[in-house]
């Protein structure tokens, strides 16, 4: 899987795998969001174990078990990274804006 490298203004770095599955199968929406994010279904052979939210300092600020709707409205407005994991593998990453 190819990876992008995200470096924040503070100098921390996160490797972001480029999504290897079709955009139609894997989507986090709406983006930008006011606080509620929906996770579109993955294919039947993909099992989501966790959804993690990171801030621009590369700190994990929220973690969820497999679910189709998550609430991040209690976080400060700004840019975040959503990572969806299956076992220990990151299967989807996307930057989102919380308004």
Protein backbone atom coordinates (compact mmCIF):
# COMPACT_ATOMS: atom_id res chain seq x y z
CA UNK A 1 0.00 0.00 0.00
CA UNK A 2 1.39 3.44 -0.91
CA UNK A 3 1.65 6.02 1.84
CA UNK A 4 1.46 9.80 2.09
CA UNK A 5 3.35 11.52 4.87
CA UNK A 6 1.56 14.27 6.81
CA UNK A 7 3.73 16.63 8.82
CA UNK A 8 2.00 19.12 11.10
CA UNK A 9 3.12 22.69 11.78
CA UNK A 10 4.61 21.42 15.06
CA UNK A 11 6.78 18.90 13.22
CA UNK A 12 5.05 15.64 14.14
CA UNK A 13 4.60 13.17 11.30
CA UNK A 14 1.92 10.56 10.52
CA UNK A 15 2.17 8.10 7.64
CA UNK A 16 -1.17 7.99 5.88
CA UNK A 17 -1.84 4.96 3.68
CA UNK A 18 -3.45 5.90 0.41
CA UNK A 19 -6.83 4.22 0.24
CA UNK A 20 -6.55 0.94 -1.61
CA UNK A 21 -10.28 0.33 -1.89
CA UNK A 22 -12.65 2.22 -4.14
CA UNK A 23 -13.91 5.58 -2.95
CA UNK A 24 -17.48 4.31 -3.45
CA UNK A 25 -16.93 1.50 -0.93
CA UNK A 26 -15.18 3.60 1.72
CA UNK A 27 -16.47 7.02 2.64
CA UNK A 28 -16.57 9.24 5.68
CA UNK A 29 -19.19 11.98 5.29
CA UNK A 30 -20.19 14.80 5.48
CA UNK A 31 -16.93 16.67 5.10
CA UNK A 32 -16.82 19.34 6.40
CA UNK A 33 -18.93 18.27 9.37
CA UNK A 34 -20.63 20.01 12.26
CA UNK A 35 -19.94 17.05 14.53
CA UNK A 36 -21.62 13.87 13.27
CA UNK A 37 -19.74 11.66 10.81
CA UNK A 38 -21.22 8.70 8.97
CA UNK A 39 -19.17 5.74 7.80
CA UNK A 40 -20.40 4.14 4.58
CA UNK A 41 -20.37 0.33 4.52
CA UNK A 42 -17.25 -1.48 3.43
CA UNK A 43 -17.33 -4.61 1.34
CA UNK A 44 -18.43 -7.78 3.13
CA UNK A 45 -14.87 -9.11 3.41
CA UNK A 46 -13.68 -5.98 5.29
CA UNK A 47 -14.41 -5.86 9.02
CA UNK A 48 -13.96 -2.53 10.79
CA UNK A 49 -12.50 -2.92 14.26
CA UNK A 50 -11.92 0.71 15.20
CA UNK A 51 -12.18 4.30 14.06
CA UNK A 52 -9.58 6.74 15.39
CA UNK A 53 -9.50 10.54 15.23
CA UNK A 54 -6.17 12.42 15.33
CA UNK A 55 -5.58 16.15 15.69
CA UNK A 56 -2.95 18.16 13.82
CA UNK A 57 -0.45 17.47 16.62
CA UNK A 58 -0.68 13.76 15.73
CA UNK A 59 -2.43 13.01 19.03
CA UNK A 60 -5.24 10.47 19.13
CA UNK A 61 -8.21 12.47 20.46
CA UNK A 62 -11.03 9.94 20.02
CA UNK A 63 -11.41 6.24 19.42
CA UNK A 64 -14.54 4.29 18.55
CA UNK A 65 -15.38 0.64 18.10
CA UNK A 66 -16.98 -0.40 14.84
CA UNK A 67 -19.96 1.84 14.22
CA UNK A 68 -21.60 3.64 11.31
CA UNK A 69 -22.04 7.01 13.05
CA UNK A 70 -19.59 8.86 15.28
CA UNK A 71 -19.85 12.14 17.17
CA UNK A 72 -16.89 14.50 17.27
CA UNK A 73 -18.80 17.72 17.97
CA UNK A 74 -17.21 18.03 21.41
CA UNK A 75 -13.77 18.56 19.85
CA UNK A 76 -12.45 22.03 18.97
CA UNK A 77 -13.16 23.15 15.41
CA UNK A 78 -10.37 22.40 12.98
CA UNK A 79 -8.66 19.79 10.82
CA UNK A 80 -8.57 16.11 11.89
CA UNK A 81 -7.48 12.79 10.44
CA UNK A 82 -9.89 9.84 10.52
CA UNK A 83 -8.31 6.40 10.38
CA UNK A 84 -10.41 3.26 10.01
CA UNK A 85 -8.73 0.04 11.10
CA UNK A 86 -9.30 -3.64 10.49
CA UNK A 87 -7.29 -5.59 13.05
CA UNK A 88 -4.03 -3.61 13.22
CA UNK A 89 -4.09 -2.50 9.58
CA UNK A 90 -5.23 0.96 8.54
CA UNK A 91 -7.69 0.38 5.71
CA UNK A 92 -8.89 3.95 5.19
CA UNK A 93 -7.67 7.45 6.05
CA UNK A 94 -9.20 10.81 5.34
CA UNK A 95 -8.68 14.38 6.49
CA UNK A 96 -11.87 16.01 7.74
CA UNK A 97 -12.84 19.51 8.79
CA UNK A 98 -14.91 20.08 11.90
CA UNK A 99 -16.83 23.35 11.64
